[in-house]
Amino acid sequence: MSQHITKKDVVRLLEKIATYMELKGENTFNVSAYRKAAQSLETDERTMDEIEDVTKLKNIGKGVGEVINEYLAAGESETLKALEEEVPEGLVPLLKIPGLGSKKIHKLYKELGITNKEELARACENKQVSALSGFGKKTEENILAGVKALSARKERYPINLLIKLNQEIEEYLETIDALEQYHVAGSFRRVKEMSKDLDYIMSTNDPET
């Protein structure tokens, strides 16, 4: 088993595959297979190390079982990689817009050719979205408001989370022989309550490393 992969990691993988499949427009049966497998793992009290054969669990068949075992062994999934290549990258952030699920996003992609938030905003402004079945004027207005909110949002994280993350990063940096010195910079160093990232200044005797 690849190191550090937990049951939560596997569940997230299965849910992510299901979401990408919906964005791609694959049939409901295939999507449901991954979601049901994720639920089966969540309800089982054992760890992944304690589960000898995932296909013995309810709702996990041979195909999904192979995806899980590949992920446990290699730490990655060829199934997910293929989906990420097929699904336009700009569709994924649209899932953050309230009221827009993966099925509706696929409909927007398939019928209007929308692949990102900018194209979605233009389609709403041109009243193209409300013309689609299953949407309507009010939905279109809400989507446009959601796109604007998404564009304005700047992700920031609480200081306690970044302290823990910084500790893990510094432990890793200590293992790099070519790194002469480093220190954290930016808003985190200034002890801001919320920061959007961690910045480091480093010096090395081997720039190629």
N, C-alpha and C. Protein backbone atom coordinates (compact mmCIF):
# COMPACT_ATOMS: atom_id res chain seq x y z
N MET A 1 0.84 -1.20 0.00
CA MET A 1 0.00 0.00 0.00
C MET A 1 0.87 1.25 0.00
N SER A 2 0.54 2.24 -0.84
CA SER A 2 1.30 3.48 -0.89
C SER A 2 1.18 4.20 0.45
N GLN A 3 2.26 4.80 0.89
CA GLN A 3 2.32 5.40 2.21
C GLN A 3 1.35 6.56 2.36
N HIS A 4 0.77 6.66 3.56
CA HIS A 4 -0.08 7.79 3.97
C HIS A 4 -1.47 7.81 3.34
N ILE A 5 -1.86 6.84 2.57
CA ILE A 5 -3.20 6.83 1.99
C ILE A 5 -4.19 6.28 3.01
N THR A 6 -5.16 7.09 3.38
CA THR A 6 -6.16 6.70 4.36
C THR A 6 -7.49 6.41 3.67
N LYS A 7 -8.44 5.95 4.47
CA LYS A 7 -9.77 5.70 3.91
C LYS A 7 -10.39 7.00 3.39
N LYS A 8 -10.15 8.10 4.10
CA LYS A 8 -10.67 9.40 3.64
C LYS A 8 -10.11 9.77 2.28
N ASP A 9 -8.84 9.45 2.06
CA ASP A 9 -8.22 9.71 0.76
C ASP A 9 -8.92 8.93 -0.35
N VAL A 10 -9.22 7.67 -0.06
CA VAL A 10 -9.88 6.81 -1.06
C VAL A 10 -11.29 7.30 -1.33
N VAL A 11 -12.00 7.67 -0.27
CA VAL A 11 -13.37 8.19 -0.43
C VAL A 11 -13.36 9.46 -1.28
N ARG A 12 -12.40 10.35 -1.00
CA ARG A 12 -12.30 11.59 -1.79
C ARG A 12 -12.01 11.27 -3.26
N LEU A 13 -11.16 10.28 -3.49
CA LEU A 13 -10.86 9.88 -4.86
C LEU A 13 -12.12 9.42 -5.58
N LEU A 14 -12.88 8.55 -4.94
CA LEU A 14 -14.09 8.00 -5.56
C LEU A 14 -15.12 9.10 -5.82
N GLU A 15 -15.28 10.02 -4.87
CA GLU A 15 -16.22 11.13 -5.05
C GLU A 15 -15.76 12.05 -6.18
N LYS A 16 -14.46 12.25 -6.26
CA LYS A 16 -13.92 13.12 -7.31
C LYS A 16 -14.13 12.50 -8.69
N ILE A 17 -13.89 11.19 -8.78
CA ILE A 17 -14.13 10.49 -10.04
C ILE A 17 -15.59 10.60 -10.44
N ALA A 18 -16.50 10.40 -9.48
CA ALA A 18 -17.94 10.49 -9.75
C ALA A 18 -18.31 11.89 -10.25
N THR A 19 -17.75 12.91 -9.62
CA THR A 19 -18.05 14.29 -10.03
C THR A 19 -17.55 14.56 -11.44
N TYR A 20 -16.33 14.13 -11.74
CA TYR A 20 -15.78 14.33 -13.08
C TYR A 20 -16.59 13.57 -14.13
N MET A 21 -17.06 12.38 -13.76
CA MET A 21 -17.88 11.60 -14.69
C MET A 21 -19.19 12.33 -14.99
N GLU A 22 -19.77 12.95 -13.97
CA GLU A 22 -21.00 13.73 -14.19
C GLU A 22 -20.72 14.94 -15.07
N LEU A 23 -19.61 15.61 -14.82
CA LEU A 23 -19.24 16.77 -15.64
C LEU A 23 -19.04 16.35 -17.09
N LYS A 24 -18.52 15.15 -17.28
CA LYS A 24 -18.29 14.64 -18.63
C LYS A 24 -19.59 14.18 -19.28
N GLY A 25 -20.59 13.84 -18.45
CA GLY A 25 -21.87 13.40 -18.98
C GLY A 25 -22.01 11.89 -19.10
N GLU A 26 -21.24 11.15 -18.31
CA GLU A 26 -21.34 9.69 -18.35
C GLU A 26 -22.66 9.25 -17.71
N ASN A 27 -23.05 8.01 -18.00
CA ASN A 27 -24.37 7.56 -17.55
C ASN A 27 -24.46 7.44 -16.04
N THR A 28 -25.68 7.59 -15.55
CA THR A 28 -25.95 7.65 -14.12
C THR A 28 -25.50 6.38 -13.39
N PHE A 29 -25.61 5.24 -14.04
CA PHE A 29 -25.24 3.97 -13.41
C PHE A 29 -23.76 3.96 -13.04
N ASN A 30 -22.90 4.41 -13.95
CA ASN A 30 -21.46 4.43 -13.68
C ASN A 30 -21.11 5.42 -12.57
N VAL A 31 -21.75 6.58 -12.61
CA VAL A 31 -21.52 7.59 -11.58
C VAL A 31 -21.94 7.05 -10.22
N SER A 32 -23.11 6.44 -10.18
CA SER A 32 -23.65 5.90 -8.94
C SER A 32 -22.76 4.81 -8.35
N ALA A 33 -22.10 4.04 -9.19
CA ALA A 33 -21.22 2.96 -8.72
C ALA A 33 -20.10 3.52 -7.84
N TYR A 34 -19.54 4.65 -8.25
CA TYR A 34 -18.45 5.26 -7.47
C TYR A 34 -18.97 5.90 -6.19
N ARG A 35 -20.14 6.53 -6.27
CA ARG A 35 -20.70 7.17 -5.07
C ARG A 35 -21.10 6.11 -4.03
N LYS A 36 -21.69 5.02 -4.49
CA LYS A 36 -22.09 3.95 -3.56
C LYS A 36 -20.86 3.29 -2.94
N ALA A 37 -19.80 3.15 -3.72
CA ALA A 37 -18.56 2.58 -3.19
C ALA A 37 -17.98 3.47 -2.10
N ALA A 38 -18.03 4.78 -2.33
CA ALA A 38 -17.53 5.73 -1.33
C ALA A 38 -18.34 5.63 -0.05
N GLN A 39 -19.65 5.50 -0.17
CA GLN A 39 -20.52 5.37 1.00
C GLN A 39 -20.23 4.08 1.76
N SER A 40 -19.97 3.00 1.04
CA SER A 40 -19.67 1.72 1.68
C SER A 40 -18.40 1.81 2.51
N LEU A 41 -17.39 2.48 1.98
CA LEU A 41 -16.14 2.65 2.72
C LEU A 41 -16.35 3.52 3.95
N GLU A 42 -17.14 4.58 3.79
CA GLU A 42 -17.37 5.50 4.91
C GLU A 42 -18.09 4.82 6.07
N THR A 43 -19.01 3.93 5.76
CA THR A 43 -19.79 3.28 6.81
C THR A 43 -19.08 2.08 7.42
N ASP A 44 -18.02 1.60 6.77
CA ASP A 44 -17.24 0.49 7.34
C ASP A 44 -16.27 1.05 8.38
N GLU A 45 -16.24 0.47 9.55
CA GLU A 45 -15.44 1.02 10.65
C GLU A 45 -13.96 0.67 10.55
N ARG A 46 -13.59 -0.24 9.67
CA ARG A 46 -12.19 -0.65 9.56
C ARG A 46 -11.35 0.37 8.78
N THR A 47 -10.04 0.32 9.01
CA THR A 47 -9.11 1.13 8.22
C THR A 47 -8.83 0.41 6.91
N MET A 48 -8.17 1.08 5.98
CA MET A 48 -7.84 0.44 4.71
C MET A 48 -6.89 -0.74 4.93
N ASP A 49 -6.01 -0.64 5.92
CA ASP A 49 -5.09 -1.74 6.21
C ASP A 49 -5.83 -2.99 6.69
N GLU A 50 -6.96 -2.77 7.34
CA GLU A 50 -7.72 -3.88 7.91
C GLU A 50 -8.67 -4.53 6.91
N ILE A 51 -8.91 -3.86 5.79
CA ILE A 51 -9.80 -4.41 4.76
C ILE A 51 -8.96 -5.22 3.78
N GLU A 52 -9.10 -6.52 3.80
CA GLU A 52 -8.28 -7.38 2.95
C GLU A 52 -8.69 -7.32 1.48
N ASP A 53 -9.99 -7.25 1.23
CA ASP A 53 -10.49 -7.24 -0.15
C ASP A 53 -11.66 -6.27 -0.24
N VAL A 54 -11.44 -5.12 -0.89
CA VAL A 54 -12.49 -4.10 -0.95
C VAL A 54 -13.72 -4.57 -1.71
N THR A 55 -13.54 -5.53 -2.61
CA THR A 55 -14.69 -6.01 -3.39
C THR A 55 -15.63 -6.87 -2.57
N LYS A 56 -15.24 -7.19 -1.34
CA LYS A 56 -16.13 -7.93 -0.44
C LYS A 56 -17.13 -7.00 0.23
N LEU A 57 -16.87 -5.70 0.14
CA LEU A 57 -17.79 -4.72 0.72
C LEU A 57 -18.99 -4.54 -0.20
N LYS A 58 -20.12 -4.20 0.40
CA LYS A 58 -21.34 -3.98 -0.35
C LYS A 58 -21.14 -2.81 -1.33
N ASN A 59 -21.63 -2.99 -2.54
CA ASN A 59 -21.63 -1.95 -3.59
C ASN A 59 -20.25 -1.65 -4.18
N ILE A 60 -19.26 -2.50 -3.91
CA ILE A 60 -17.95 -2.30 -4.55
C ILE A 60 -17.68 -3.50 -5.46
N GLY A 61 -17.81 -3.27 -6.75
CA GLY A 61 -17.60 -4.34 -7.72
C GLY A 61 -16.16 -4.42 -8.17
N LYS A 62 -15.92 -5.28 -9.14
CA LYS A 62 -14.56 -5.53 -9.62
C LYS A 62 -13.91 -4.28 -10.21
N GLY A 63 -14.67 -3.55 -11.05
CA GLY A 63 -14.11 -2.37 -11.72
C GLY A 63 -13.67 -1.29 -10.75
N VAL A 64 -14.56 -0.92 -9.83
CA VAL A 64 -14.23 0.11 -8.84
C VAL A 64 -13.14 -0.41 -7.91
N GLY A 65 -13.21 -1.71 -7.59
CA GLY A 65 -12.19 -2.32 -6.73
C GLY A 65 -10.80 -2.19 -7.33
N GLU A 66 -10.69 -2.36 -8.64
CA GLU A 66 -9.40 -2.23 -9.32
C GLU A 66 -8.88 -0.79 -9.24
N VAL A 67 -9.79 0.17 -9.35
CA VAL A 67 -9.41 1.58 -9.24
C VAL A 67 -8.87 1.87 -7.84
N ILE A 68 -9.55 1.34 -6.83
CA ILE A 68 -9.12 1.54 -5.44
C ILE A 68 -7.76 0.90 -5.20
N ASN A 69 -7.60 -0.33 -5.64
CA ASN A 69 -6.33 -1.05 -5.42
C ASN A 69 -5.16 -0.39 -6.14
N GLU A 70 -5.42 0.13 -7.34
CA GLU A 70 -4.37 0.85 -8.07
C GLU A 70 -3.94 2.09 -7.28
N TYR A 71 -4.91 2.80 -6.74
CA TYR A 71 -4.62 4.01 -5.97
C TYR A 71 -3.84 3.68 -4.70
N LEU A 72 -4.22 2.59 -4.04
CA LEU A 72 -3.52 2.18 -2.82
C LEU A 72 -2.08 1.77 -3.12
N ALA A 73 -1.88 1.14 -4.26
CA ALA A 73 -0.55 0.64 -4.61
C ALA A 73 0.36 1.73 -5.19
N ALA A 74 -0.22 2.59 -6.02
CA ALA A 74 0.60 3.57 -6.75
C ALA A 74 0.47 5.00 -6.25
N GLY A 75 -0.59 5.26 -5.47
CA GLY A 75 -0.79 6.62 -4.97
C GLY A 75 -1.42 7.55 -5.98
N GLU A 76 -1.88 7.00 -7.10
CA GLU A 76 -2.55 7.79 -8.13
C GLU A 76 -3.53 6.92 -8.89
N SER A 77 -4.39 7.56 -9.66
CA SER A 77 -5.42 6.83 -10.39
C SER A 77 -5.40 7.21 -11.87
N GLU A 78 -5.20 6.23 -12.72
CA GLU A 78 -5.23 6.47 -14.16
C GLU A 78 -6.63 6.87 -14.61
N THR A 79 -7.64 6.34 -13.94
CA THR A 79 -9.03 6.68 -14.26
C THR A 79 -9.27 8.17 -14.05
N LEU A 80 -8.82 8.68 -12.90
CA LEU A 80 -8.99 10.11 -12.61
C LEU A 80 -8.16 10.95 -13.57
N LYS A 81 -6.95 10.52 -13.86
CA LYS A 81 -6.08 11.26 -14.78
C LYS A 81 -6.75 11.43 -16.14
N ALA A 82 -7.34 10.34 -16.64
CA ALA A 82 -8.00 10.37 -17.95
C ALA A 82 -9.18 11.34 -17.93
N LEU A 83 -9.95 11.32 -16.85
CA LEU A 83 -11.10 12.22 -16.73
C LEU A 83 -10.65 13.68 -16.66
N GLU A 84 -9.58 13.94 -15.94
CA GLU A 84 -9.07 15.31 -15.81
C GLU A 84 -8.60 15.85 -17.16
N GLU A 85 -8.12 14.95 -18.02
CA GLU A 85 -7.69 15.38 -19.36
C GLU A 85 -8.88 15.64 -20.28
N GLU A 86 -9.98 14.91 -20.05
CA GLU A 86 -11.15 15.02 -20.93
C GLU A 86 -12.08 16.15 -20.53
N VAL A 87 -12.16 16.44 -19.24
CA VAL A 87 -13.07 17.48 -18.75
C VAL A 87 -12.35 18.82 -18.72
N PRO A 88 -12.90 19.87 -19.35
CA PRO A 88 -12.26 21.19 -19.32
C PRO A 88 -12.00 21.64 -17.89
N GLU A 89 -10.79 22.09 -17.65
CA GLU A 89 -10.37 22.47 -16.30
C GLU A 89 -11.25 23.55 -15.68
N GLY A 90 -11.74 24.45 -16.52
CA GLY A 90 -12.53 25.57 -16.03
C GLY A 90 -13.91 25.20 -15.53
N LEU A 91 -14.37 23.97 -15.79
CA LEU A 91 -15.69 23.56 -15.31
C LEU A 91 -15.69 23.26 -13.81
N VAL A 92 -14.57 22.78 -13.30
CA VAL A 92 -14.51 22.36 -11.90
C VAL A 92 -14.80 23.50 -10.92
N PRO A 93 -14.22 24.71 -11.09
CA PRO A 93 -14.53 25.80 -10.16
C PRO A 93 -16.01 26.20 -10.15
N LEU A 94 -16.73 25.89 -11.23
CA LEU A 94 -18.15 26.25 -11.31
C LEU A 94 -18.97 25.50 -10.27
N LEU A 95 -18.43 24.40 -9.74
CA LEU A 95 -19.13 23.64 -8.71
C LEU A 95 -19.28 24.44 -7.42
N LYS A 96 -18.48 25.50 -7.27
CA LYS A 96 -18.56 26.34 -6.07
C LYS A 96 -19.73 27.32 -6.12
N ILE A 97 -20.36 27.43 -7.29
CA ILE A 97 -21.49 28.36 -7.44
C ILE A 97 -22.76 27.71 -6.88
N PRO A 98 -23.42 28.34 -5.91
CA PRO A 98 -24.64 27.78 -5.32
C PRO A 98 -25.69 27.45 -6.38
N GLY A 99 -26.26 26.26 -6.29
CA GLY A 99 -27.31 25.86 -7.21
C GLY A 99 -26.83 25.24 -8.50
N LEU A 100 -25.50 25.19 -8.68
CA LEU A 100 -24.95 24.58 -9.89
C LEU A 100 -24.27 23.27 -9.53
N GLY A 101 -24.92 22.16 -9.84
CA GLY A 101 -24.32 20.86 -9.63
C GLY A 101 -23.64 20.39 -10.90
N SER A 102 -23.00 19.24 -10.83
CA SER A 102 -22.24 18.74 -11.98
C SER A 102 -23.13 18.42 -13.18
N LYS A 103 -24.38 18.00 -12.94
CA LYS A 103 -25.28 17.69 -14.06
C LYS A 103 -25.65 18.96 -14.82
N LYS A 104 -25.95 20.02 -14.09
CA LYS A 104 -26.30 21.28 -14.75
C LYS A 104 -25.10 21.87 -15.47
N ILE A 105 -23.92 21.73 -14.87
CA ILE A 105 -22.71 22.24 -15.52
C ILE A 105 -22.46 21.50 -16.83
N HIS A 106 -22.69 20.19 -16.82
CA HIS A 106 -22.53 19.42 -18.06
C HIS A 106 -23.50 19.90 -19.13
N LYS A 107 -24.72 20.21 -18.73
CA LYS A 107 -25.72 20.70 -19.68
C LYS A 107 -25.27 22.03 -20.30
N LEU A 108 -24.72 22.90 -19.46
CA LEU A 108 -24.20 24.19 -19.95
C LEU A 108 -23.04 23.98 -20.92
N TYR A 109 -22.20 23.02 -20.59
CA TYR A 109 -21.04 22.70 -21.44
C TYR A 109 -21.49 22.09 -22.76
N LYS A 110 -22.42 21.16 -22.68
CA LYS A 110 -22.86 20.44 -23.88
C LYS A 110 -23.68 21.32 -24.82
N GLU A 111 -24.59 22.12 -24.25
CA GLU A 111 -25.52 22.87 -25.10
C GLU A 111 -25.06 24.27 -25.44
N LEU A 112 -24.23 24.87 -24.58
CA LEU A 112 -23.76 26.23 -24.86
C LEU A 112 -22.25 26.32 -25.05
N GLY A 113 -21.56 25.19 -24.85
CA GLY A 113 -20.11 25.19 -25.04
C GLY A 113 -19.35 25.94 -23.96
N ILE A 114 -19.96 26.10 -22.79
CA ILE A 114 -19.33 26.84 -21.70
C ILE A 114 -18.24 25.99 -21.05
N THR A 115 -17.05 26.57 -20.91
CA THR A 115 -15.93 25.84 -20.31
C THR A 115 -15.29 26.56 -19.13
N ASN A 116 -15.76 27.78 -18.80
CA ASN A 116 -15.20 28.50 -17.66
C ASN A 116 -16.18 29.56 -17.16
N LYS A 117 -15.84 30.22 -16.07
CA LYS A 117 -16.75 31.18 -15.44
C LYS A 117 -16.98 32.42 -16.30
N GLU A 118 -15.97 32.82 -17.08
CA GLU A 118 -16.12 34.00 -17.93
C GLU A 118 -17.16 33.75 -19.02
N GLU A 119 -17.09 32.58 -19.62
CA GLU A 119 -18.07 32.22 -20.66
C GLU A 119 -19.46 32.07 -20.06
N LEU A 120 -19.52 31.56 -18.84
CA LEU A 120 -20.81 31.40 -18.17
C LEU A 120 -21.44 32.76 -17.87
N ALA A 121 -20.63 33.71 -17.43
CA ALA A 121 -21.13 35.06 -17.14
C ALA A 121 -21.69 35.70 -18.41
N ARG A 122 -20.97 35.57 -19.52
CA ARG A 122 -21.44 36.15 -20.78
C ARG A 122 -22.75 35.50 -21.23
N ALA A 123 -22.85 34.19 -21.05
CA ALA A 123 -24.06 33.47 -21.44
C ALA A 123 -25.26 33.93 -20.62
N CYS A 124 -25.03 34.20 -19.33
CA CYS A 124 -26.10 34.70 -18.47
C CYS A 124 -26.52 36.11 -18.89
N GLU A 125 -25.53 36.94 -19.16
CA GLU A 125 -25.81 38.33 -19.56
C GLU A 125 -26.55 38.38 -20.89
N ASN A 126 -26.29 37.40 -21.76
CA ASN A 126 -26.96 37.34 -23.06
C ASN A 126 -28.26 36.53 -23.03
N LYS A 127 -28.69 36.16 -21.82
CA LYS A 127 -29.95 35.42 -21.61
C LYS A 127 -29.97 34.05 -22.27
N GLN A 128 -28.80 33.47 -22.51
CA GLN A 128 -28.74 32.15 -23.13
C GLN A 128 -29.05 31.04 -22.13
N VAL A 129 -28.67 31.25 -20.89
CA VAL A 129 -28.87 30.22 -19.86
C VAL A 129 -30.35 30.02 -19.56
N SER A 130 -31.09 31.11 -19.42
CA SER A 130 -32.52 31.02 -19.10
C SER A 130 -33.32 30.37 -20.22
N ALA A 131 -32.74 30.33 -21.42
CA ALA A 131 -33.43 29.71 -22.55
C ALA A 131 -33.34 28.18 -22.51
N LEU A 132 -32.45 27.65 -21.68
CA LEU A 132 -32.30 26.21 -21.58
C LEU A 132 -33.38 25.62 -20.67
N SER A 133 -33.83 24.42 -21.00
CA SER A 133 -34.80 23.74 -20.14
C SER A 133 -34.15 23.40 -18.81
N GLY A 134 -34.90 23.61 -17.73
CA GLY A 134 -34.39 23.29 -16.40
C GLY A 134 -33.68 24.45 -15.72
N PHE A 135 -33.63 25.61 -16.37
CA PHE A 135 -32.97 26.76 -15.76
C PHE A 135 -33.99 27.87 -15.46
N GLY A 136 -34.20 28.80 -16.35
CA GLY A 136 -35.16 29.87 -16.08
C GLY A 136 -34.47 31.17 -15.69
N LYS A 137 -35.24 32.26 -15.68
CA LYS A 137 -34.70 33.60 -15.46
C LYS A 137 -34.09 33.76 -14.08
N LYS A 138 -34.81 33.30 -13.05
CA LYS A 138 -34.32 33.46 -11.67
C LYS A 138 -33.03 32.67 -11.46
N THR A 139 -32.99 31.46 -12.00
CA THR A 139 -31.78 30.64 -11.89
C THR A 139 -30.61 31.33 -12.58
N GLU A 140 -30.88 31.91 -13.73
CA GLU A 140 -29.85 32.62 -14.48
C GLU A 140 -29.30 33.79 -13.67
N GLU A 141 -30.18 34.54 -13.02
CA GLU A 141 -29.75 35.67 -12.19
C GLU A 141 -28.89 35.20 -11.02
N ASN A 142 -29.31 34.09 -10.40
CA ASN A 142 -28.56 33.55 -9.26
C ASN A 142 -27.18 33.04 -9.69
N ILE A 143 -27.14 32.42 -10.87
CA ILE A 143 -25.86 31.92 -11.39
C ILE A 143 -24.91 33.08 -11.67
N LEU A 144 -25.43 34.14 -12.28
CA LEU A 144 -24.59 35.30 -12.59
C LEU A 144 -24.05 35.93 -11.31
N ALA A 145 -24.90 36.02 -10.29
CA ALA A 145 -24.45 36.55 -9.00
C ALA A 145 -23.38 35.65 -8.40
N GLY A 146 -23.57 34.33 -8.56
CA GLY A 146 -22.59 33.37 -8.05
C GLY A 146 -21.25 33.47 -8.76
N VAL A 147 -21.28 33.70 -10.07
CA VAL A 147 -20.05 33.85 -10.85
C VAL A 147 -19.29 35.09 -10.38
N LYS A 148 -20.01 36.18 -10.17
CA LYS A 148 -19.37 37.42 -9.73
C LYS A 148 -18.76 37.25 -8.34
N ALA A 149 -19.47 36.54 -7.46
CA ALA A 149 -18.95 36.29 -6.11
C ALA A 149 -17.71 35.40 -6.17
N LEU A 150 -17.75 34.42 -7.07
CA LEU A 150 -16.61 33.51 -7.23
C LEU A 150 -15.39 34.25 -7.74
N SER A 151 -15.60 35.17 -8.65
CA SER A 151 -14.49 35.94 -9.22
C SER A 151 -13.88 36.88 -8.19
N ALA A 152 -14.72 37.36 -7.27
CA ALA A 152 -14.24 38.32 -6.28
C ALA A 152 -13.60 37.64 -5.07
N ARG A 153 -13.87 36.35 -4.91
CA ARG A 153 -13.41 35.63 -3.72
C ARG A 153 -11.91 35.40 -3.75
N LYS A 154 -11.28 35.65 -2.63
CA LYS A 154 -9.87 35.33 -2.44
C LYS A 154 -9.77 34.36 -1.29
N GLU A 155 -9.33 33.15 -1.59
CA GLU A 155 -9.27 32.12 -0.56
C GLU A 155 -8.23 32.48 0.49
N ARG A 156 -8.66 32.50 1.76
CA ARG A 156 -7.75 32.74 2.87
C ARG A 156 -7.96 31.67 3.93
N TYR A 157 -6.91 31.39 4.69
CA TYR A 157 -6.94 30.29 5.63
C TYR A 157 -6.56 30.77 7.03
N PRO A 158 -7.16 30.18 8.07
CA PRO A 158 -6.89 30.60 9.45
C PRO A 158 -5.46 30.29 9.87
N ILE A 159 -4.94 31.12 10.78
CA ILE A 159 -3.56 31.02 11.21
C ILE A 159 -3.23 29.67 11.83
N ASN A 160 -4.18 29.08 12.58
CA ASN A 160 -3.89 27.79 13.24
C ASN A 160 -3.66 26.67 12.22
N LEU A 161 -4.38 26.73 11.10
CA LEU A 161 -4.18 25.73 10.04
C LEU A 161 -2.82 25.92 9.38
N LEU A 162 -2.45 27.18 9.13
CA LEU A 162 -1.19 27.46 8.46
C LEU A 162 0.01 27.18 9.36
N ILE A 163 -0.16 27.32 10.67
CA ILE A 163 0.93 26.98 11.60
C ILE A 163 1.27 25.50 11.48
N LYS A 164 0.24 24.67 11.44
CA LYS A 164 0.45 23.23 11.31
C LYS A 164 1.09 22.90 9.96
N LEU A 165 0.59 23.52 8.90
CA LEU A 165 1.12 23.27 7.57
C LEU A 165 2.57 23.74 7.47
N ASN A 166 2.86 24.90 8.05
CA ASN A 166 4.23 25.42 8.04
C ASN A 166 5.19 24.47 8.74
N GLN A 167 4.74 23.89 9.83
CA GLN A 167 5.58 22.94 10.57
C GLN A 167 5.93 21.73 9.70
N GLU A 168 4.93 21.22 8.97
CA GLU A 168 5.16 20.07 8.10
C GLU A 168 6.11 20.42 6.95
N ILE A 169 5.94 21.63 6.40
CA ILE A 169 6.81 22.06 5.30
C ILE A 169 8.25 22.22 5.79
N GLU A 170 8.41 22.82 6.96
CA GLU A 170 9.76 23.04 7.49
C GLU A 170 10.45 21.71 7.82
N GLU A 171 9.68 20.74 8.29
CA GLU A 171 10.25 19.41 8.55
C GLU A 171 10.78 18.80 7.26
N TYR A 172 10.04 19.02 6.17
CA TYR A 172 10.50 18.51 4.87
C TYR A 172 11.72 19.27 4.38
N LEU A 173 11.71 20.60 4.53
CA LEU A 173 12.83 21.41 4.07
C LEU A 173 14.13 21.03 4.78
N GLU A 174 14.01 20.60 6.04
CA GLU A 174 15.19 20.20 6.81
C GLU A 174 15.88 18.97 6.20
N THR A 175 15.15 18.22 5.39
CA THR A 175 15.72 17.00 4.80
C THR A 175 16.48 17.28 3.51
N ILE A 176 16.41 18.51 3.00
CA ILE A 176 17.06 18.86 1.74
C ILE A 176 18.47 19.37 2.01
N ASP A 177 19.46 18.56 1.68
CA ASP A 177 20.86 18.89 1.98
C ASP A 177 21.34 20.15 1.28
N ALA A 178 20.86 20.38 0.07
CA ALA A 178 21.34 21.51 -0.72
C ALA A 178 20.79 22.85 -0.24
N LEU A 179 19.83 22.81 0.66
CA LEU A 179 19.21 24.04 1.16
C LEU A 179 20.03 24.58 2.33
N GLU A 180 20.65 25.75 2.13
CA GLU A 180 21.52 26.33 3.17
C GLU A 180 20.71 26.98 4.28
N GLN A 181 19.73 27.78 3.90
CA GLN A 181 18.88 28.40 4.91
C GLN A 181 17.55 28.80 4.29
N TYR A 182 16.56 29.00 5.14
CA TYR A 182 15.23 29.41 4.68
C TYR A 182 14.51 30.09 5.83
N HIS A 183 13.53 30.91 5.48
CA HIS A 183 12.63 31.43 6.50
C HIS A 183 11.31 31.83 5.85
N VAL A 184 10.27 31.74 6.65
CA VAL A 184 8.93 32.04 6.15
C VAL A 184 8.77 33.55 6.03
N ALA A 185 8.00 33.98 5.04
CA ALA A 185 7.80 35.41 4.79
C ALA A 185 6.31 35.69 4.62
N GLY A 186 6.00 36.89 4.17
CA GLY A 186 4.61 37.23 3.85
C GLY A 186 3.72 37.46 5.06
N SER A 187 2.41 37.37 4.83
CA SER A 187 1.42 37.68 5.87
C SER A 187 1.47 36.70 7.03
N PHE A 188 1.89 35.46 6.77
CA PHE A 188 1.99 34.48 7.85
C PHE A 188 3.06 34.89 8.85
N ARG A 189 4.20 35.37 8.35
CA ARG A 189 5.28 35.81 9.25
C ARG A 189 4.83 37.01 10.09
N ARG A 190 3.93 37.82 9.51
CA ARG A 190 3.44 38.99 10.24
C ARG A 190 2.29 38.64 11.18
N VAL A 191 2.02 37.34 11.31
CA VAL A 191 1.01 36.79 12.22
C VAL A 191 -0.37 37.39 11.96
N LYS A 192 -0.75 37.41 10.70
CA LYS A 192 -2.11 37.81 10.34
C LYS A 192 -3.07 36.68 10.70
N GLU A 193 -4.29 37.02 11.11
CA GLU A 193 -5.27 35.99 11.48
C GLU A 193 -5.63 35.10 10.30
N MET A 194 -5.66 35.69 9.10
CA MET A 194 -5.98 34.93 7.89
C MET A 194 -4.92 35.22 6.83
N SER A 195 -4.48 34.18 6.13
CA SER A 195 -3.51 34.34 5.05
C SER A 195 -3.94 33.48 3.88
N LYS A 196 -3.57 33.90 2.68
CA LYS A 196 -3.97 33.13 1.50
C LYS A 196 -2.93 32.09 1.10
N ASP A 197 -1.69 32.23 1.63
CA ASP A 197 -0.66 31.26 1.26
C ASP A 197 0.51 31.35 2.23
N LEU A 198 1.49 30.48 2.01
CA LEU A 198 2.74 30.51 2.77
C LEU A 198 3.87 30.85 1.80
N ASP A 199 4.67 31.85 2.16
CA ASP A 199 5.79 32.26 1.33
C ASP A 199 7.11 31.98 2.05
N TYR A 200 8.11 31.52 1.29
CA TYR A 200 9.41 31.22 1.88
C TYR A 200 10.52 31.88 1.07
N ILE A 201 11.53 32.34 1.79
CA ILE A 201 12.76 32.83 1.15
C ILE A 201 13.84 31.80 1.44
N MET A 202 14.51 31.32 0.39
CA MET A 202 15.48 30.24 0.55
C MET A 202 16.79 30.58 -0.15
N SER A 203 17.86 29.97 0.36
CA SER A 203 19.15 30.06 -0.33
C SER A 203 19.73 28.66 -0.40
N THR A 204 20.43 28.39 -1.51
CA THR A 204 20.95 27.04 -1.73
C THR A 204 22.32 27.11 -2.41
N ASN A 205 23.11 26.06 -2.19
CA ASN A 205 24.40 25.97 -2.86
C ASN A 205 24.30 25.15 -4.14
N ASP A 206 23.07 24.72 -4.46
CA ASP A 206 22.85 23.91 -5.67
C ASP A 206 21.51 24.29 -6.29
N PRO A 207 21.47 25.36 -7.11
CA PRO A 207 20.22 25.85 -7.70
C PRO A 207 19.50 24.82 -8.56
N GLU A 208 20.22 23.80 -9.04
CA GLU A 208 19.59 22.80 -9.92
C GLU A 208 18.75 21.80 -9.14
N THR A 209 18.91 21.75 -7.82
CA THR A 209 18.19 20.77 -7.01
C THR A 209 16.70 21.09 -6.96
